[in-house]
Amino acid sequence: MEIRQALEHARDCRDDPPTRVLLNTVMAELWARMQAQPDSYLLSSDEFALFNLYRDEYTGPVAQTAVARFWNNYQGNNSNGSKK
């Protein structure tokens, strides 16, 4: 499932156990990508929204750098993370 779909689904039924499993799975995949490219991974707007749901669980230099990189490159409401 796409990140955007998972987030929309979470808004509708956040406490639903299958939704929690889905979000945890998607977040684990995102975290793996971030760790594989700790100095260059650029979160898309959708990925950043998902990451914000888990901010307390994912901390440290990789997380801090990814958040800073997102904001340094943020160009408005662009869901694919690329610059306009």
N, C-alpha and C. Protein backbone atom coordinates (compact mmCIF):
# COMPACT_ATOMS: atom_id res chain seq x y z
N MET A 1 0.85 -1.18 0.00
CA MET A 1 0.00 0.00 0.00
C MET A 1 0.89 1.23 0.00
N GLU A 2 0.48 2.24 -0.70
CA GLU A 2 1.22 3.50 -0.76
C GLU A 2 1.13 4.21 0.59
N ILE A 3 2.10 5.04 0.86
CA ILE A 3 2.13 5.78 2.12
C ILE A 3 0.90 6.66 2.25
N ARG A 4 0.55 7.36 1.18
CA ARG A 4 -0.61 8.26 1.23
C ARG A 4 -1.88 7.47 1.56
N GLN A 5 -2.05 6.31 0.95
CA GLN A 5 -3.23 5.48 1.22
C GLN A 5 -3.25 5.03 2.68
N ALA A 6 -2.10 4.64 3.19
CA ALA A 6 -2.01 4.20 4.57
C ALA A 6 -2.37 5.33 5.53
N LEU A 7 -1.89 6.54 5.23
CA LEU A 7 -2.20 7.69 6.07
C LEU A 7 -3.68 8.04 6.03
N GLU A 8 -4.28 8.00 4.84
CA GLU A 8 -5.70 8.28 4.72
C GLU A 8 -6.52 7.24 5.48
N HIS A 9 -6.11 5.99 5.35
CA HIS A 9 -6.80 4.92 6.07
C HIS A 9 -6.65 5.12 7.57
N ALA A 10 -5.50 5.54 8.01
CA ALA A 10 -5.26 5.75 9.44
C ALA A 10 -6.14 6.86 9.99
N ARG A 11 -6.40 7.88 9.20
CA ARG A 11 -7.27 8.97 9.64
C ARG A 11 -8.68 8.46 9.91
N ASP A 12 -9.11 7.49 9.10
CA ASP A 12 -10.46 6.95 9.23
C ASP A 12 -10.59 5.95 10.37
N CYS A 13 -9.55 5.18 10.62
CA CYS A 13 -9.66 4.12 11.64
C CYS A 13 -8.32 3.90 12.31
N ARG A 14 -7.84 4.90 12.98
CA ARG A 14 -6.51 4.89 13.59
C ARG A 14 -6.32 3.78 14.62
N ASP A 15 -7.36 3.45 15.37
CA ASP A 15 -7.22 2.44 16.42
C ASP A 15 -7.48 1.02 15.93
N ASP A 16 -7.75 0.87 14.67
CA ASP A 16 -8.01 -0.43 14.09
C ASP A 16 -6.71 -1.25 14.05
N PRO A 17 -6.67 -2.44 14.68
CA PRO A 17 -5.42 -3.23 14.71
C PRO A 17 -4.81 -3.49 13.33
N PRO A 18 -5.59 -3.86 12.30
CA PRO A 18 -4.95 -4.07 10.99
C PRO A 18 -4.32 -2.78 10.44
N THR A 19 -4.91 -1.64 10.75
CA THR A 19 -4.34 -0.37 10.30
C THR A 19 -3.01 -0.12 11.00
N ARG A 20 -2.94 -0.40 12.29
CA ARG A 20 -1.69 -0.26 13.04
C ARG A 20 -0.60 -1.15 12.45
N VAL A 21 -0.96 -2.39 12.12
CA VAL A 21 0.02 -3.31 11.52
C VAL A 21 0.50 -2.75 10.19
N LEU A 22 -0.43 -2.26 9.38
CA LEU A 22 -0.08 -1.68 8.08
C LEU A 22 0.86 -0.50 8.25
N LEU A 23 0.51 0.43 9.13
CA LEU A 23 1.36 1.60 9.34
C LEU A 23 2.73 1.21 9.87
N ASN A 24 2.77 0.26 10.79
CA ASN A 24 4.06 -0.20 11.31
C ASN A 24 4.92 -0.81 10.21
N THR A 25 4.30 -1.57 9.31
CA THR A 25 5.03 -2.18 8.20
C THR A 25 5.57 -1.13 7.24
N VAL A 26 4.72 -0.19 6.87
CA VAL A 26 5.14 0.87 5.95
C VAL A 26 6.24 1.71 6.59
N MET A 27 6.11 2.00 7.89
CA MET A 27 7.13 2.78 8.57
C MET A 27 8.44 2.02 8.66
N ALA A 28 8.39 0.73 8.89
CA ALA A 28 9.62 -0.08 8.95
C ALA A 28 10.33 -0.06 7.59
N GLU A 29 9.57 -0.11 6.51
CA GLU A 29 10.16 -0.04 5.16
C GLU A 29 10.81 1.33 4.93
N LEU A 30 10.12 2.38 5.36
CA LEU A 30 10.67 3.73 5.22
C LEU A 30 11.95 3.87 6.05
N TRP A 31 11.93 3.38 7.27
CA TRP A 31 13.11 3.47 8.14
C TRP A 31 14.29 2.73 7.52
N ALA A 32 14.03 1.60 6.91
CA ALA A 32 15.10 0.84 6.26
C ALA A 32 15.72 1.65 5.12
N ARG A 33 14.88 2.32 4.35
CA ARG A 33 15.41 3.18 3.25
C ARG A 33 16.23 4.34 3.82
N MET A 34 15.74 4.92 4.91
CA MET A 34 16.47 6.04 5.53
C MET A 34 17.82 5.58 6.05
N GLN A 35 17.86 4.40 6.67
CA GLN A 35 19.12 3.89 7.21
C GLN A 35 20.09 3.48 6.10
N ALA A 36 19.56 3.05 4.97
CA ALA A 36 20.42 2.65 3.85
C ALA A 36 21.10 3.86 3.22
N GLN A 37 20.48 5.03 3.34
CA GLN A 37 21.03 6.26 2.77
C GLN A 37 21.01 7.37 3.83
N PRO A 38 21.70 7.19 4.94
CA PRO A 38 21.57 8.12 6.06
C PRO A 38 22.02 9.55 5.76
N ASP A 39 22.86 9.73 4.77
CA ASP A 39 23.37 11.06 4.47
C ASP A 39 22.71 11.69 3.25
N SER A 40 21.77 10.97 2.63
CA SER A 40 21.20 11.53 1.41
C SER A 40 19.70 11.31 1.22
N TYR A 41 19.08 10.44 2.01
CA TYR A 41 17.67 10.14 1.77
C TYR A 41 16.81 11.38 2.01
N LEU A 42 15.99 11.72 1.02
CA LEU A 42 15.12 12.88 1.11
C LEU A 42 13.68 12.40 1.22
N LEU A 43 13.07 12.64 2.36
CA LEU A 43 11.69 12.25 2.59
C LEU A 43 10.75 13.04 1.69
N SER A 44 9.76 12.36 1.12
CA SER A 44 8.69 13.06 0.42
C SER A 44 7.75 13.64 1.48
N SER A 45 6.82 14.47 1.07
CA SER A 45 5.86 15.03 2.02
C SER A 45 5.04 13.93 2.69
N ASP A 46 4.64 12.93 1.92
CA ASP A 46 3.87 11.81 2.48
C ASP A 46 4.71 11.02 3.48
N GLU A 47 5.96 10.75 3.12
CA GLU A 47 6.85 10.02 4.02
C GLU A 47 7.07 10.82 5.31
N PHE A 48 7.23 12.12 5.17
CA PHE A 48 7.43 12.96 6.35
C PHE A 48 6.20 12.91 7.26
N ALA A 49 5.00 12.94 6.66
CA ALA A 49 3.77 12.84 7.46
C ALA A 49 3.73 11.52 8.22
N LEU A 50 4.08 10.44 7.55
CA LEU A 50 4.13 9.14 8.22
C LEU A 50 5.18 9.15 9.33
N PHE A 51 6.35 9.65 9.01
CA PHE A 51 7.43 9.69 9.98
C PHE A 51 7.02 10.46 11.23
N ASN A 52 6.26 11.53 11.05
CA ASN A 52 5.79 12.31 12.20
C ASN A 52 4.93 11.50 13.15
N LEU A 53 4.20 10.51 12.63
CA LEU A 53 3.40 9.65 13.50
C LEU A 53 4.29 8.82 14.44
N TYR A 54 5.52 8.61 14.03
CA TYR A 54 6.45 7.72 14.76
C TYR A 54 7.66 8.47 15.32
N ARG A 55 7.61 9.79 15.39
CA ARG A 55 8.76 10.60 15.80
C ARG A 55 9.35 10.15 17.13
N ASP A 56 8.52 9.72 18.07
CA ASP A 56 9.03 9.33 19.38
C ASP A 56 9.76 8.00 19.35
N GLU A 57 9.48 7.18 18.36
CA GLU A 57 10.09 5.85 18.28
C GLU A 57 11.37 5.82 17.46
N TYR A 58 11.51 6.76 16.54
CA TYR A 58 12.68 6.81 15.66
C TYR A 58 13.44 8.10 15.94
N THR A 59 14.53 7.97 16.67
CA THR A 59 15.31 9.13 17.06
C THR A 59 16.77 8.91 16.67
N GLY A 60 17.59 9.84 17.01
CA GLY A 60 19.01 9.70 16.74
C GLY A 60 19.43 10.46 15.50
N PRO A 61 20.69 10.34 15.15
CA PRO A 61 21.26 11.13 14.06
C PRO A 61 20.58 10.91 12.70
N VAL A 62 20.24 9.67 12.37
CA VAL A 62 19.61 9.41 11.07
C VAL A 62 18.27 10.14 10.99
N ALA A 63 17.48 10.05 12.04
CA ALA A 63 16.18 10.71 12.07
C ALA A 63 16.33 12.23 12.04
N GLN A 64 17.22 12.75 12.87
CA GLN A 64 17.41 14.21 12.94
C GLN A 64 17.90 14.77 11.60
N THR A 65 18.83 14.07 10.98
CA THR A 65 19.36 14.53 9.69
C THR A 65 18.29 14.47 8.61
N ALA A 66 17.48 13.42 8.62
CA ALA A 66 16.42 13.29 7.61
C ALA A 66 15.38 14.39 7.76
N VAL A 67 15.02 14.71 8.98
CA VAL A 67 14.05 15.79 9.21
C VAL A 67 14.63 17.13 8.76
N ALA A 68 15.86 17.39 9.12
CA ALA A 68 16.51 18.64 8.70
C ALA A 68 16.61 18.71 7.18
N ARG A 69 16.97 17.61 6.54
CA ARG A 69 17.08 17.58 5.08
C ARG A 69 15.72 17.84 4.43
N PHE A 70 14.66 17.25 5.01
CA PHE A 70 13.31 17.49 4.49
C PHE A 70 13.01 18.98 4.51
N TRP A 71 13.18 19.62 5.68
CA TRP A 71 12.84 21.03 5.80
C TRP A 71 13.75 21.92 4.96
N ASN A 72 15.00 21.55 4.80
CA ASN A 72 15.91 22.33 3.96
C ASN A 72 15.54 22.28 2.49
N ASN A 73 14.81 21.24 2.10
CA ASN A 73 14.42 21.06 0.71
C ASN A 73 12.94 21.25 0.46
N TYR A 74 12.17 21.54 1.50
CA TYR A 74 10.72 21.64 1.39
C TYR A 74 10.33 22.82 0.50
N GLN A 75 9.46 22.52 -0.46
CA GLN A 75 9.03 23.54 -1.42
C GLN A 75 7.52 23.65 -1.49
N GLY A 76 6.83 23.51 -0.39
CA GLY A 76 5.38 23.60 -0.40
C GLY A 76 4.75 22.24 -0.43
N ASN A 77 3.52 22.16 -0.87
CA ASN A 77 2.75 20.92 -0.85
C ASN A 77 3.07 20.06 -2.07
N ASN A 78 4.24 19.43 -2.06
CA ASN A 78 4.69 18.59 -3.16
C ASN A 78 4.89 17.18 -2.62
N SER A 79 3.96 16.27 -2.88
CA SER A 79 3.97 14.97 -2.22
C SER A 79 5.10 14.04 -2.63
N ASN A 80 5.79 14.31 -3.73
CA ASN A 80 6.85 13.39 -4.12
C ASN A 80 8.21 13.78 -3.58
N GLY A 81 8.28 14.89 -2.86
CA GLY A 81 9.52 15.26 -2.20
C GLY A 81 10.52 15.98 -3.08
N SER A 82 10.27 16.07 -4.36
CA SER A 82 11.21 16.74 -5.24
C SER A 82 10.99 18.25 -5.20
N LYS A 83 12.03 18.96 -5.56
CA LYS A 83 11.91 20.41 -5.61
C LYS A 83 11.02 20.81 -6.77
N LYS A 84 10.35 21.94 -6.60
CA LYS A 84 9.53 22.49 -7.69
C LYS A 84 10.40 23.17 -8.70
